Amino acid sequence: MTDEVCSLFPGMTRNTLTASTREPPGLVRWLEQYLVLEAASGAANTYLAKRRDLNLFLGYFRQRMNSDAPDDWTKPVTVAFLRFLETAENRKASTVNRTLASLRHCAAWIHERRPFLAGNPCRGVRELFLDEPAWKGLSDLQVMQLRSAAEQLVCLKKRKNQRGLRDRAIFLSLLHTGLRVSELLAVQKDQYTGRHLVEVRRKGKIRTAKVFLPGEARDVLDAYLIDCRGDRSGPLFLSKAGEPMARQHVDRLLRQLARQASCKLSKDEQIALSAHVLRHTMLRRITEKHGVQFAMEATGHISSKYIWRYVKPSDEEREKAMEELF
């Protein structure tokens, strides 16, 4: 057990998880086992979000139920906790629904190994109604401005410790594949075959056999490998020190790219760029041209439920459509 997990549940020690005891494991111990054995295998940000959600639920459960018995976690407890988040804590619907998703996954994992007396405490619990957020993608003009800025930065970043070619390769890989940052940074050198990224691990336990890289992204990636990275094993994209890159490195290079693309634009035209914005943009484009099924395969989603948040029309497009309806 990691120190982080120990600190999540006060009073627990590093030996608690594996300690032999005659008493059946309590809810705290089951949550710890879930975090260590299941949640920790996912992306770091996902793990931290689940850890916060479970910590919040455990605090509520202990205070309201005065218990550590797993069987005291029932469906009414889950419903009351979500209502508490919504009303007493004034959490947004999206936050409440994300917390419910964490509890669902954890409860199902525990129920499979140690069935709850009254059944899975999250089964049948509905999400809050959530008005879809505004679309967060880029216009065709903004994509052109960013691609141009990426080429400029390759020429401007000439010092040895700068990685303009690598940064452009990352930008184009995110733009053309729609991969999340965690998914792209987890790709190893030997997973790039010259045309595809193979056996790419997606969010959850999904693996995509082949992720196609269009010519623009391949050409820049090949140049980065030849001129900068070399052929040694390890992650496909490396930091200046030759170490695996962290998410904040990608966030920083994307902000720098956005500044370069926005340097001659007015205040209202400034480009806000993130990996998530690139994902929205790619999925919107592929859905418009080829349909939802293509977008589902590109994202690694097995359901179209989550696709619509990426491909909904922008406010401007919706208003224009209404204006020109008759």
C-alpha atoms as a PDB file:
ATOM      1  CA  MET A   1       0.000   0.000   0.000  1.00  0.00           C
ATOM      2  CA  THR A   2       1.279   3.438  -0.834  1.00  0.00           C
ATOM      3  CA  ASP A   3       1.676   6.238   1.677  1.00  0.00           C
ATOM      4  CA  GLU A   4      -0.968   8.168  -0.293  1.00  0.00           C
ATOM      5  CA  VAL A   5      -3.549   5.466   0.296  1.00  0.00           C
ATOM      6  CA  CYS A   6      -2.611   5.175   3.967  1.00  0.00           C
ATOM      7  CA  SER A   7      -3.140   8.909   4.432  1.00  0.00           C
ATOM      8  CA  LEU A   8      -6.548   8.646   2.798  1.00  0.00           C
ATOM      9  CA  PHE A   9      -7.919   6.600   5.692  1.00  0.00           C
ATOM     10  CA  PRO A  10      -6.631   7.929   9.059  1.00  0.00           C
ATOM     11  CA  GLY A  11      -5.693   5.232  11.531  1.00  0.00           C
ATOM     12  CA  MET A  12      -4.709   2.710   8.879  1.00  0.00           C
ATOM     13  CA  THR A  13      -1.109   1.541   8.612  1.00  0.00           C
ATOM     14  CA  ARG A  14       0.974   0.180   5.788  1.00  0.00           C
ATOM     15  CA  ASN A  15       0.514  -3.352   7.124  1.00  0.00           C
ATOM     16  CA  THR A  16      -3.276  -3.152   7.412  1.00  0.00           C
ATOM     17  CA  LEU A  17      -4.034  -4.316   3.894  1.00  0.00           C
ATOM     18  CA  THR A  18      -2.091  -7.542   4.157  1.00  0.00           C
ATOM     19  CA  ALA A  19      -2.433  -8.122   7.897  1.00  0.00           C
ATOM     20  CA  SER A  20      -4.107 -11.376   8.869  1.00  0.00           C
ATOM     21  CA  THR A  21      -7.121 -10.903  11.123  1.00  0.00           C
ATOM     22  CA  ARG A  22      -9.935 -13.051  12.376  1.00  0.00           C
ATOM     23  CA  GLU A  23     -12.425 -10.260  11.851  1.00  0.00           C
ATOM     24  CA  PRO A  24     -13.878  -9.837   8.358  1.00  0.00           C
ATOM     25  CA  PRO A  25     -12.565  -6.786   6.489  1.00  0.00           C
ATOM     26  CA  GLY A  26     -14.446  -3.566   7.103  1.00  0.00           C
ATOM     27  CA  LEU A  27     -15.473  -1.044   4.471  1.00  0.00           C
ATOM     28  CA  VAL A  28     -12.303   1.001   4.962  1.00  0.00           C
ATOM     29  CA  ARG A  29     -10.159  -1.988   4.175  1.00  0.00           C
ATOM     30  CA  TRP A  30     -12.246  -2.901   1.140  1.00  0.00           C
ATOM     31  CA  LEU A  31     -11.917   0.635  -0.215  1.00  0.00           C
ATOM     32  CA  GLU A  32      -8.161   0.488   0.324  1.00  0.00           C
ATOM     33  CA  GLN A  33      -7.919  -2.813  -1.508  1.00  0.00           C
ATOM     34  CA  TYR A  34      -9.909  -1.366  -4.393  1.00  0.00           C
ATOM     35  CA  LEU A  35      -7.592   1.643  -4.631  1.00  0.00           C
ATOM     36  CA  VAL A  36      -4.432  -0.456  -4.528  1.00  0.00           C
ATOM     37  CA  LEU A  37      -5.467  -3.434  -6.634  1.00  0.00           C
ATOM     38  CA  GLU A  38      -7.841  -1.862  -9.146  1.00  0.00           C
ATOM     39  CA  ALA A  39      -7.872   1.940  -9.312  1.00  0.00           C
ATOM     40  CA  ALA A  40      -4.087   2.372  -9.145  1.00  0.00           C
ATOM     41  CA  SER A  41      -3.719   0.528 -12.468  1.00  0.00           C
ATOM     42  CA  GLY A  42      -5.413   3.372 -14.337  1.00  0.00           C
ATOM     43  CA  ALA A  43      -4.235   6.830 -15.307  1.00  0.00           C
ATOM     44  CA  ALA A  44      -2.787   8.935 -12.476  1.00  0.00           C
ATOM     45  CA  ASN A  45      -5.424  11.677 -12.713  1.00  0.00           C
ATOM     46  CA  THR A  46      -8.240   9.123 -12.751  1.00  0.00           C
ATOM     47  CA  TYR A  47      -6.776   7.413  -9.690  1.00  0.00           C
ATOM     48  CA  LEU A  48      -6.510  10.692  -7.781  1.00  0.00           C
ATOM     49  CA  ALA A  49     -10.105  11.615  -8.664  1.00  0.00           C
ATOM     50  CA  LYS A  50     -11.373   8.240  -7.429  1.00  0.00           C
ATOM     51  CA  ARG A  51      -9.308   8.566  -4.269  1.00  0.00           C
ATOM     52  CA  ARG A  52     -10.878  11.983  -3.518  1.00  0.00           C
ATOM     53  CA  ASP A  53     -14.388  10.682  -4.249  1.00  0.00           C
ATOM     54  CA  LEU A  54     -13.995   7.643  -2.000  1.00  0.00           C
ATOM     55  CA  ASN A  55     -12.483   9.759   0.757  1.00  0.00           C
ATOM     56  CA  LEU A  56     -15.460  12.102   0.608  1.00  0.00           C
ATOM     57  CA  PHE A  57     -17.911   9.186   0.698  1.00  0.00           C
ATOM     58  CA  LEU A  58     -16.092   7.478   3.560  1.00  0.00           C
ATOM     59  CA  GLY A  59     -16.251  10.644   5.660  1.00  0.00           C
ATOM     60  CA  TYR A  60     -20.003  10.878   5.054  1.00  0.00           C
ATOM     61  CA  PHE A  61     -20.541   7.153   5.732  1.00  0.00           C
ATOM     62  CA  ARG A  62     -18.643   7.179   9.012  1.00  0.00           C
ATOM     63  CA  GLN A  63     -20.410  10.283  10.289  1.00  0.00           C
ATOM     64  CA  ARG A  64     -23.939   9.230   9.309  1.00  0.00           C
ATOM     65  CA  MET A  65     -23.741   5.469   9.899  1.00  0.00           C
ATOM     66  CA  ASN A  66     -21.163   5.323  12.711  1.00  0.00           C
ATOM     67  CA  SER A  67     -20.076   2.038  11.165  1.00  0.00           C
ATOM     68  CA  ASP A  68     -17.364   0.312   9.182  1.00  0.00           C
ATOM     69  CA  ALA A  69     -19.531  -2.648   8.134  1.00  0.00           C
ATOM     70  CA  PRO A  70     -19.772  -3.065   4.350  1.00  0.00           C
ATOM     71  CA  ASP A  71     -23.369  -4.288   4.654  1.00  0.00           C
ATOM     72  CA  ASP A  72     -24.366  -0.908   6.083  1.00  0.00           C
ATOM     73  CA  TRP A  73     -23.583   0.606   2.681  1.00  0.00           C
ATOM     74  CA  THR A  74     -26.956   0.308   0.961  1.00  0.00           C
ATOM     75  CA  LYS A  75     -28.658   2.019  -1.959  1.00  0.00           C
ATOM     76  CA  PRO A  76     -30.440   4.575   0.307  1.00  0.00           C
ATOM     77  CA  VAL A  77     -27.049   5.545   1.721  1.00  0.00           C
ATOM     78  CA  THR A  78     -25.683   6.158  -1.773  1.00  0.00           C
ATOM     79  CA  VAL A  79     -28.736   8.233  -2.741  1.00  0.00           C
ATOM     80  CA  ALA A  80     -28.537  10.277   0.476  1.00  0.00           C
ATOM     81  CA  PHE A  81     -24.815  10.908  -0.041  1.00  0.00           C
ATOM     82  CA  LEU A  82     -25.386  12.200  -3.575  1.00  0.00           C
ATOM     83  CA  ARG A  83     -28.209  14.437  -2.347  1.00  0.00           C
ATOM     84  CA  PHE A  84     -25.853  15.720   0.353  1.00  0.00           C
ATOM     85  CA  LEU A  85     -23.266  16.620  -2.296  1.00  0.00           C
ATOM     86  CA  GLU A  86     -25.865  18.400  -4.396  1.00  0.00           C
ATOM     87  CA  THR A  87     -27.652  20.353  -1.659  1.00  0.00           C
ATOM     88  CA  ALA A  88     -25.412  20.733   1.403  1.00  0.00           C
ATOM     89  CA  GLU A  89     -22.117  20.889  -0.496  1.00  0.00           C
ATOM     90  CA  ASN A  90     -23.483  22.737  -3.571  1.00  0.00           C
ATOM     91  CA  ARG A  91     -21.507  20.492  -5.904  1.00  0.00           C
ATOM     92  CA  LYS A  92     -22.156  20.762  -9.618  1.00  0.00           C
ATOM     93  CA  ALA A  93     -24.183  18.043 -11.309  1.00  0.00           C
ATOM     94  CA  SER A  94     -21.122  16.985 -13.282  1.00  0.00           C
ATOM     95  CA  THR A  95     -19.142  16.551 -10.031  1.00  0.00           C
ATOM     96  CA  VAL A  96     -21.937  14.553  -8.402  1.00  0.00           C
ATOM     97  CA  ASN A  97     -22.203  12.299 -11.459  1.00  0.00           C
ATOM     98  CA  ARG A  98     -18.448  11.750 -11.549  1.00  0.00           C
ATOM     99  CA  THR A  99     -18.495  10.819  -7.875  1.00  0.00           C
ATOM    100  CA  LEU A 100     -21.331   8.378  -8.549  1.00  0.00           C
ATOM    101  CA  ALA A 101     -19.271   6.814 -11.339  1.00  0.00           C
ATOM    102  CA  SER A 102     -16.394   6.279  -8.888  1.00  0.00           C
ATOM    103  CA  LEU A 103     -18.729   4.718  -6.324  1.00  0.00           C
ATOM    104  CA  ARG A 104     -20.338   2.488  -8.943  1.00  0.00           C
ATOM    105  CA  HIS A 105     -17.033   1.079 -10.092  1.00  0.00           C
ATOM    106  CA  CYS A 106     -15.842   0.521  -6.537  1.00  0.00           C
ATOM    107  CA  ALA A 107     -19.122  -1.010  -5.346  1.00  0.00           C
ATOM    108  CA  ALA A 108     -19.256  -3.406  -8.303  1.00  0.00           C
ATOM    109  CA  TRP A 109     -15.648  -4.464  -7.633  1.00  0.00           C
ATOM    110  CA  ILE A 110     -16.381  -5.161  -3.958  1.00  0.00           C
ATOM    111  CA  HIS A 111     -19.745  -6.853  -4.679  1.00  0.00           C
ATOM    112  CA  GLU A 112     -18.052  -9.280  -7.058  1.00  0.00           C
ATOM    113  CA  ARG A 113     -15.663 -10.370  -4.303  1.00  0.00           C
ATOM    114  CA  ARG A 114     -17.862  -9.977  -1.250  1.00  0.00           C
ATOM    115  CA  PRO A 115     -21.595  -9.573  -2.053  1.00  0.00           C
ATOM    116  CA  PHE A 116     -23.368  -6.857  -0.091  1.00  0.00           C
ATOM    117  CA  LEU A 117     -26.230  -8.110   2.073  1.00  0.00           C
ATOM    118  CA  ALA A 118     -28.816  -5.857   0.383  1.00  0.00           C
ATOM    119  CA  GLY A 119     -27.218  -6.026  -3.057  1.00  0.00           C
ATOM    120  CA  ASN A 120     -24.965  -3.624  -4.944  1.00  0.00           C
ATOM    121  CA  PRO A 121     -25.532  -0.247  -3.206  1.00  0.00           C
ATOM    122  CA  CYS A 122     -25.171   1.683  -6.461  1.00  0.00           C
ATOM    123  CA  ARG A 123     -27.349  -0.453  -8.724  1.00  0.00           C
ATOM    124  CA  GLY A 124     -30.232   1.566 -10.115  1.00  0.00           C
ATOM    125  CA  VAL A 125     -29.005   4.905  -8.736  1.00  0.00           C
ATOM    126  CA  ARG A 126     -29.569   7.488 -11.443  1.00  0.00           C
ATOM    127  CA  GLU A 127     -27.300  10.325 -12.453  1.00  0.00           C
ATOM    128  CA  LEU A 128     -28.442  13.913 -12.070  1.00  0.00           C
ATOM    129  CA  PHE A 129     -29.785  15.588 -15.175  1.00  0.00           C
ATOM    130  CA  LEU A 130     -26.895  17.433 -16.727  1.00  0.00           C
ATOM    131  CA  ASP A 131     -27.293  20.149 -19.314  1.00  0.00           C
ATOM    132  CA  GLU A 132     -24.645  19.555 -21.922  1.00  0.00           C
ATOM    133  CA  PRO A 133     -21.694  21.979 -21.668  1.00  0.00           C
ATOM    134  CA  ALA A 134     -20.724  24.201 -24.537  1.00  0.00           C
ATOM    135  CA  TRP A 135     -18.630  22.577 -27.254  1.00  0.00           C
ATOM    136  CA  LYS A 136     -14.915  23.166 -26.602  1.00  0.00           C
ATOM    137  CA  GLY A 137     -13.370  22.576 -29.987  1.00  0.00           C
ATOM    138  CA  LEU A 138     -11.398  24.717 -32.414  1.00  0.00           C
ATOM    139  CA  SER A 139     -12.560  26.380 -35.618  1.00  0.00           C
ATOM    140  CA  ASP A 140     -10.880  25.584 -38.937  1.00  0.00           C
ATOM    141  CA  LEU A 141      -9.141  28.965 -38.773  1.00  0.00           C
ATOM    142  CA  GLN A 142      -7.770  28.265 -35.288  1.00  0.00           C
ATOM    143  CA  VAL A 143      -6.489  24.843 -36.362  1.00  0.00           C
ATOM    144  CA  MET A 144      -4.658  26.481 -39.254  1.00  0.00           C
ATOM    145  CA  GLN A 145      -3.171  29.130 -36.955  1.00  0.00           C
ATOM    146  CA  LEU A 146      -1.949  26.494 -34.506  1.00  0.00           C
ATOM    147  CA  ARG A 147      -0.422  24.306 -37.213  1.00  0.00           C
ATOM    148  CA  SER A 148       1.392  27.338 -38.563  1.00  0.00           C
ATOM    149  CA  ALA A 149       2.603  28.305 -35.085  1.00  0.00           C
ATOM    150  CA  ALA A 150       3.898  24.768 -34.492  1.00  0.00           C
ATOM    151  CA  GLU A 151       6.045  25.026 -37.633  1.00  0.00           C
ATOM    152  CA  GLN A 152       7.362  28.418 -36.507  1.00  0.00           C
ATOM    153  CA  LEU A 153       8.322  27.110 -33.067  1.00  0.00           C
ATOM    154  CA  VAL A 154      10.408  24.341 -34.622  1.00  0.00           C
ATOM    155  CA  CYS A 155      12.511  27.077 -36.232  1.00  0.00           C
ATOM    156  CA  LEU A 156      12.540  29.287 -33.138  1.00  0.00           C
ATOM    157  CA  LYS A 157      13.495  26.560 -30.657  1.00  0.00           C
ATOM    158  CA  LYS A 158      17.067  25.992 -31.776  1.00  0.00           C
ATOM    159  CA  ARG A 159      18.842  25.573 -28.453  1.00  0.00           C
ATOM    160  CA  LYS A 160      19.915  22.060 -27.508  1.00  0.00           C
ATOM    161  CA  ASN A 161      17.611  21.875 -24.504  1.00  0.00           C
ATOM    162  CA  GLN A 162      14.583  22.927 -26.531  1.00  0.00           C
ATOM    163  CA  ARG A 163      12.370  20.396 -28.257  1.00  0.00           C
ATOM    164  CA  GLY A 164      10.403  22.188 -30.957  1.00  0.00           C
ATOM    165  CA  LEU A 165      10.211  19.107 -33.175  1.00  0.00           C
ATOM    166  CA  ARG A 166       9.025  16.923 -30.297  1.00  0.00           C
ATOM    167  CA  ASP A 167       6.408  19.502 -29.285  1.00  0.00           C
ATOM    168  CA  ARG A 168       5.070  19.709 -32.822  1.00  0.00           C
ATOM    169  CA  ALA A 169       4.913  15.900 -33.000  1.00  0.00           C
ATOM    170  CA  ILE A 170       2.923  15.789 -29.754  1.00  0.00           C
ATOM    171  CA  PHE A 171       0.536  18.505 -30.937  1.00  0.00           C
ATOM    172  CA  LEU A 172      -0.128  16.774 -34.262  1.00  0.00           C
ATOM    173  CA  SER A 173      -0.461  13.355 -32.627  1.00  0.00           C
ATOM    174  CA  LEU A 174      -3.107  14.698 -30.247  1.00  0.00           C
ATOM    175  CA  LEU A 175      -4.891  16.590 -33.025  1.00  0.00           C
ATOM    176  CA  HIS A 176      -5.014  13.667 -35.455  1.00  0.00           C
ATOM    177  CA  THR A 177      -5.752  10.822 -33.031  1.00  0.00           C
ATOM    178  CA  GLY A 178      -7.933  12.357 -30.320  1.00  0.00           C
ATOM    179  CA  LEU A 179      -5.942  10.477 -27.685  1.00  0.00           C
ATOM    180  CA  ARG A 180      -5.957  11.689 -24.116  1.00  0.00           C
ATOM    181  CA  VAL A 181      -2.633  12.991 -22.781  1.00  0.00           C
ATOM    182  CA  SER A 182      -2.273  10.021 -20.442  1.00  0.00           C
ATOM    183  CA  GLU A 183      -2.889   7.612 -23.327  1.00  0.00           C
ATOM    184  CA  LEU A 184      -0.337   9.256 -25.619  1.00  0.00           C
ATOM    185  CA  LEU A 185       2.368   9.573 -22.955  1.00  0.00           C
ATOM    186  CA  ALA A 186       1.967   5.893 -22.056  1.00  0.00           C
ATOM    187  CA  VAL A 187       2.826   4.815 -25.628  1.00  0.00           C
ATOM    188  CA  GLN A 188       6.255   3.195 -25.887  1.00  0.00           C
ATOM    189  CA  LYS A 189       8.731   3.574 -28.745  1.00  0.00           C
ATOM    190  CA  ASP A 190       8.173   0.006 -29.967  1.00  0.00           C
ATOM    191  CA  GLN A 191       4.420   0.638 -30.194  1.00  0.00           C
ATOM    192  CA  TYR A 192       4.993   2.988 -33.139  1.00  0.00           C
ATOM    193  CA  THR A 193       5.176   0.965 -36.333  1.00  0.00           C
ATOM    194  CA  GLY A 194       5.700   3.795 -38.817  1.00  0.00           C
ATOM    195  CA  ARG A 195       1.999   4.068 -39.642  1.00  0.00           C
ATOM    196  CA  HIS A 196       0.142   3.128 -36.475  1.00  0.00           C
ATOM    197  CA  LEU A 197       0.377   3.195 -32.704  1.00  0.00           C
ATOM    198  CA  VAL A 198      -0.414  -0.383 -31.698  1.00  0.00           C
ATOM    199  CA  GLU A 199      -1.918  -1.920 -28.569  1.00  0.00           C
ATOM    200  CA  VAL A 200      -2.734   1.494 -27.135  1.00  0.00           C
ATOM    201  CA  ARG A 201      -4.104   1.386 -23.627  1.00  0.00           C
ATOM    202  CA  ARG A 202      -7.154   3.608 -23.287  1.00  0.00           C
ATOM    203  CA  LYS A 203      -9.060   4.864 -20.278  1.00  0.00           C
ATOM    204  CA  GLY A 204     -10.286   1.965 -18.162  1.00  0.00           C
ATOM    205  CA  LYS A 205      -9.251  -1.471 -19.385  1.00  0.00           C
ATOM    206  CA  ILE A 206      -9.795  -0.890 -23.097  1.00  0.00           C
ATOM    207  CA  ARG A 207      -6.957  -1.451 -25.545  1.00  0.00           C
ATOM    208  CA  THR A 208      -7.047  -0.288 -29.147  1.00  0.00           C
ATOM    209  CA  ALA A 209      -5.196  -2.616 -31.503  1.00  0.00           C
ATOM    210  CA  LYS A 210      -4.213   0.134 -33.971  1.00  0.00           C
ATOM    211  CA  VAL A 211      -4.438   3.933 -33.859  1.00  0.00           C
ATOM    212  CA  PHE A 212      -3.771   5.377 -37.301  1.00  0.00           C
ATOM    213  CA  LEU A 213      -1.440   8.373 -37.681  1.00  0.00           C
ATOM    214  CA  PRO A 214      -2.032  10.461 -40.826  1.00  0.00           C
ATOM    215  CA  GLY A 215       0.909  11.522 -42.978  1.00  0.00           C
ATOM    216  CA  GLU A 216       1.367  14.984 -41.459  1.00  0.00           C
ATOM    217  CA  ALA A 217       1.769  13.544 -37.952  1.00  0.00           C
ATOM    218  CA  ARG A 218       3.933  10.610 -39.149  1.00  0.00           C
ATOM    219  CA  ASP A 219       6.371  12.837 -41.005  1.00  0.00           C
ATOM    220  CA  VAL A 220       6.994  15.054 -37.978  1.00  0.00           C
ATOM    221  CA  LEU A 221       7.145  12.095 -35.608  1.00  0.00           C
ATOM    222  CA  ASP A 222       9.689  10.321 -37.821  1.00  0.00           C
ATOM    223  CA  ALA A 223      11.813  13.476 -37.937  1.00  0.00           C
ATOM    224  CA  TYR A 224      11.671  13.760 -34.141  1.00  0.00           C
ATOM    225  CA  LEU A 225      12.772  10.142 -33.725  1.00  0.00           C
ATOM    226  CA  ILE A 226      15.673  10.518 -36.165  1.00  0.00           C
ATOM    227  CA  ASP A 227      16.890  13.990 -35.214  1.00  0.00           C
ATOM    228  CA  CYS A 228      16.142  14.134 -31.474  1.00  0.00           C
ATOM    229  CA  ARG A 229      15.031  11.029 -29.679  1.00  0.00           C
ATOM    230  CA  GLY A 230      16.980   8.188 -31.205  1.00  0.00           C
ATOM    231  CA  ASP A 231      16.087   4.516 -31.306  1.00  0.00           C
ATOM    232  CA  ARG A 232      16.443   3.517 -27.648  1.00  0.00           C
ATOM    233  CA  SER A 233      13.567   1.837 -25.876  1.00  0.00           C
ATOM    234  CA  GLY A 234      11.192   3.597 -23.517  1.00  0.00           C
ATOM    235  CA  PRO A 235       8.317   6.054 -23.895  1.00  0.00           C
ATOM    236  CA  LEU A 236       7.762   7.466 -27.361  1.00  0.00           C
ATOM    237  CA  PHE A 237       7.985  11.033 -26.073  1.00  0.00           C
ATOM    238  CA  LEU A 238      10.757  11.961 -23.636  1.00  0.00           C
ATOM    239  CA  SER A 239      11.481  15.065 -21.579  1.00  0.00           C
ATOM    240  CA  LYS A 240      14.549  17.261 -22.062  1.00  0.00           C
ATOM    241  CA  ALA A 241      16.335  15.104 -19.495  1.00  0.00           C
ATOM    242  CA  GLY A 242      15.480  11.920 -21.378  1.00  0.00           C
ATOM    243  CA  GLU A 243      12.854  10.901 -18.810  1.00  0.00           C
ATOM    244  CA  PRO A 244       9.172  10.026 -19.335  1.00  0.00           C
ATOM    245  CA  MET A 245       7.119  13.165 -19.851  1.00  0.00           C
ATOM    246  CA  ALA A 246       4.490  14.271 -17.336  1.00  0.00           C
ATOM    247  CA  ARG A 247       1.105  15.761 -18.153  1.00  0.00           C
ATOM    248  CA  GLN A 248       2.217  19.217 -17.033  1.00  0.00           C
ATOM    249  CA  HIS A 249       4.956  19.164 -19.682  1.00  0.00           C
ATOM    250  CA  VAL A 250       2.323  18.726 -22.382  1.00  0.00           C
ATOM    251  CA  ASP A 251       0.077  21.370 -20.819  1.00  0.00           C
ATOM    252  CA  ARG A 252       2.994  23.810 -20.852  1.00  0.00           C
ATOM    253  CA  LEU A 253       3.962  23.195 -24.479  1.00  0.00           C
ATOM    254  CA  LEU A 254       0.344  23.559 -25.610  1.00  0.00           C
ATOM    255  CA  ARG A 255       0.039  26.887 -23.786  1.00  0.00           C
ATOM    256  CA  GLN A 256       3.233  28.046 -25.459  1.00  0.00           C
ATOM    257  CA  LEU A 257       1.876  26.986 -28.832  1.00  0.00           C
ATOM    258  CA  ALA A 258      -1.368  28.880 -28.183  1.00  0.00           C
ATOM    259  CA  ARG A 259       0.590  32.027 -27.271  1.00  0.00           C
ATOM    260  CA  GLN A 260       2.563  31.812 -30.494  1.00  0.00           C
ATOM    261  CA  ALA A 261      -0.601  31.347 -32.552  1.00  0.00           C
ATOM    262  CA  SER A 262      -2.346  34.223 -30.731  1.00  0.00           C
ATOM    263  CA  CYS A 263       0.493  36.754 -30.724  1.00  0.00           C
ATOM    264  CA  LYS A 264      -1.045  38.858 -33.516  1.00  0.00           C
ATOM    265  CA  LEU A 265      -4.690  38.302 -32.595  1.00  0.00           C
ATOM    266  CA  SER A 266      -6.968  40.634 -30.668  1.00  0.00           C
ATOM    267  CA  LYS A 267      -7.882  39.920 -27.065  1.00  0.00           C
ATOM    268  CA  ASP A 268     -11.225  38.422 -28.096  1.00  0.00           C
ATOM    269  CA  GLU A 269      -9.557  36.121 -30.630  1.00  0.00           C
ATOM    270  CA  GLN A 270      -6.983  34.566 -28.287  1.00  0.00           C
ATOM    271  CA  ILE A 271      -6.839  30.774 -28.578  1.00  0.00           C
ATOM    272  CA  ALA A 272      -7.313  28.641 -25.460  1.00  0.00           C
ATOM    273  CA  LEU A 273      -5.639  25.299 -26.084  1.00  0.00           C
ATOM    274  CA  SER A 274      -5.527  22.032 -24.171  1.00  0.00           C
ATOM    275  CA  ALA A 275      -5.348  18.360 -25.059  1.00  0.00           C
ATOM    276  CA  HIS A 276      -9.058  18.093 -24.296  1.00  0.00           C
ATOM    277  CA  VAL A 277      -9.812  20.851 -26.802  1.00  0.00           C
ATOM    278  CA  LEU A 278      -7.828  18.945 -29.439  1.00  0.00           C
ATOM    279  CA  ARG A 279      -9.795  15.795 -28.600  1.00  0.00           C
ATOM    280  CA  HIS A 280     -13.107  17.644 -29.007  1.00  0.00           C
ATOM    281  CA  THR A 281     -11.928  19.064 -32.317  1.00  0.00           C
ATOM    282  CA  MET A 282     -10.802  15.751 -33.796  1.00  0.00           C
ATOM    283  CA  LEU A 283     -13.919  13.859 -32.714  1.00  0.00           C
ATOM    284  CA  ARG A 284     -16.219  16.578 -34.021  1.00  0.00           C
ATOM    285  CA  ARG A 285     -14.466  16.537 -37.372  1.00  0.00           C
ATOM    286  CA  ILE A 286     -14.528  12.751 -37.758  1.00  0.00           C
ATOM    287  CA  THR A 287     -18.199  12.558 -36.713  1.00  0.00           C
ATOM    288  CA  GLU A 288     -19.249  15.206 -39.214  1.00  0.00           C
ATOM    289  CA  LYS A 289     -17.400  13.500 -42.057  1.00  0.00           C
ATOM    290  CA  HIS A 290     -17.825   9.803 -41.239  1.00  0.00           C
ATOM    291  CA  GLY A 291     -20.431   9.360 -38.504  1.00  0.00           C
ATOM    292  CA  VAL A 292     -20.658   8.412 -34.841  1.00  0.00           C
ATOM    293  CA  GLN A 293     -19.362   4.866 -35.332  1.00  0.00           C
ATOM    294  CA  PHE A 294     -16.001   6.182 -36.555  1.00  0.00           C
ATOM    295  CA  ALA A 295     -15.848   8.542 -33.555  1.00  0.00           C
ATOM    296  CA  MET A 296     -16.632   5.702 -31.135  1.00  0.00           C
ATOM    297  CA  GLU A 297     -13.769   3.637 -32.512  1.00  0.00           C
ATOM    298  CA  ALA A 298     -11.423   6.618 -32.436  1.00  0.00           C
ATOM    299  CA  THR A 299     -12.131   7.319 -28.758  1.00  0.00           C
ATOM    300  CA  GLY A 300     -12.113   3.738 -27.567  1.00  0.00           C
ATOM    301  CA  HIS A 301     -15.676   4.143 -26.238  1.00  0.00           C
ATOM    302  CA  ILE A 302     -17.965   1.146 -26.487  1.00  0.00           C
ATOM    303  CA  SER A 303     -21.112   3.272 -26.268  1.00  0.00           C
ATOM    304  CA  SER A 304     -22.287   6.328 -28.177  1.00  0.00           C
ATOM    305  CA  LYS A 305     -23.527   7.826 -24.890  1.00  0.00           C
ATOM    306  CA  TYR A 306     -20.260   9.684 -24.294  1.00  0.00           C
ATOM    307  CA  ILE A 307     -19.668  10.763 -27.885  1.00  0.00           C
ATOM    308  CA  TRP A 308     -22.371  13.414 -28.037  1.00  0.00           C
ATOM    309  CA  ARG A 309     -20.616  15.680 -25.537  1.00  0.00           C
ATOM    310  CA  TYR A 310     -17.796  15.999 -28.074  1.00  0.00           C
ATOM    311  CA  VAL A 311     -19.842  16.471 -31.228  1.00  0.00           C
ATOM    312  CA  LYS A 312     -22.757  18.704 -30.202  1.00  0.00           C
ATOM    313  CA  PRO A 313     -23.091  21.913 -32.237  1.00  0.00           C
ATOM    314  CA  SER A 314     -21.620  25.098 -30.840  1.00  0.00           C
ATOM    315  CA  ASP A 315     -23.886  27.925 -29.666  1.00  0.00           C
ATOM    316  CA  GLU A 316     -22.963  29.919 -32.764  1.00  0.00           C
ATOM    317  CA  GLU A 317     -23.819  27.047 -35.108  1.00  0.00           C
ATOM    318  CA  ARG A 318     -27.115  26.374 -33.350  1.00  0.00           C
ATOM    319  CA  GLU A 319     -28.107  30.041 -33.487  1.00  0.00           C
ATOM    320  CA  LYS A 320     -27.160  30.269 -37.170  1.00  0.00           C
ATOM    321  CA  ALA A 321     -29.223  27.187 -37.954  1.00  0.00           C
ATOM    322  CA  MET A 322     -32.255  28.673 -36.161  1.00  0.00           C
ATOM    323  CA  GLU A 323     -31.754  32.004 -37.921  1.00  0.00           C
ATOM    324  CA  GLU A 324     -31.755  30.320 -41.342  1.00  0.00           C
ATOM    325  CA  LEU A 325     -34.479  27.782 -40.550  1.00  0.00           C
ATOM    326  CA  PHE A 326     -37.249  29.578 -42.515  1.00  0.00           C
END
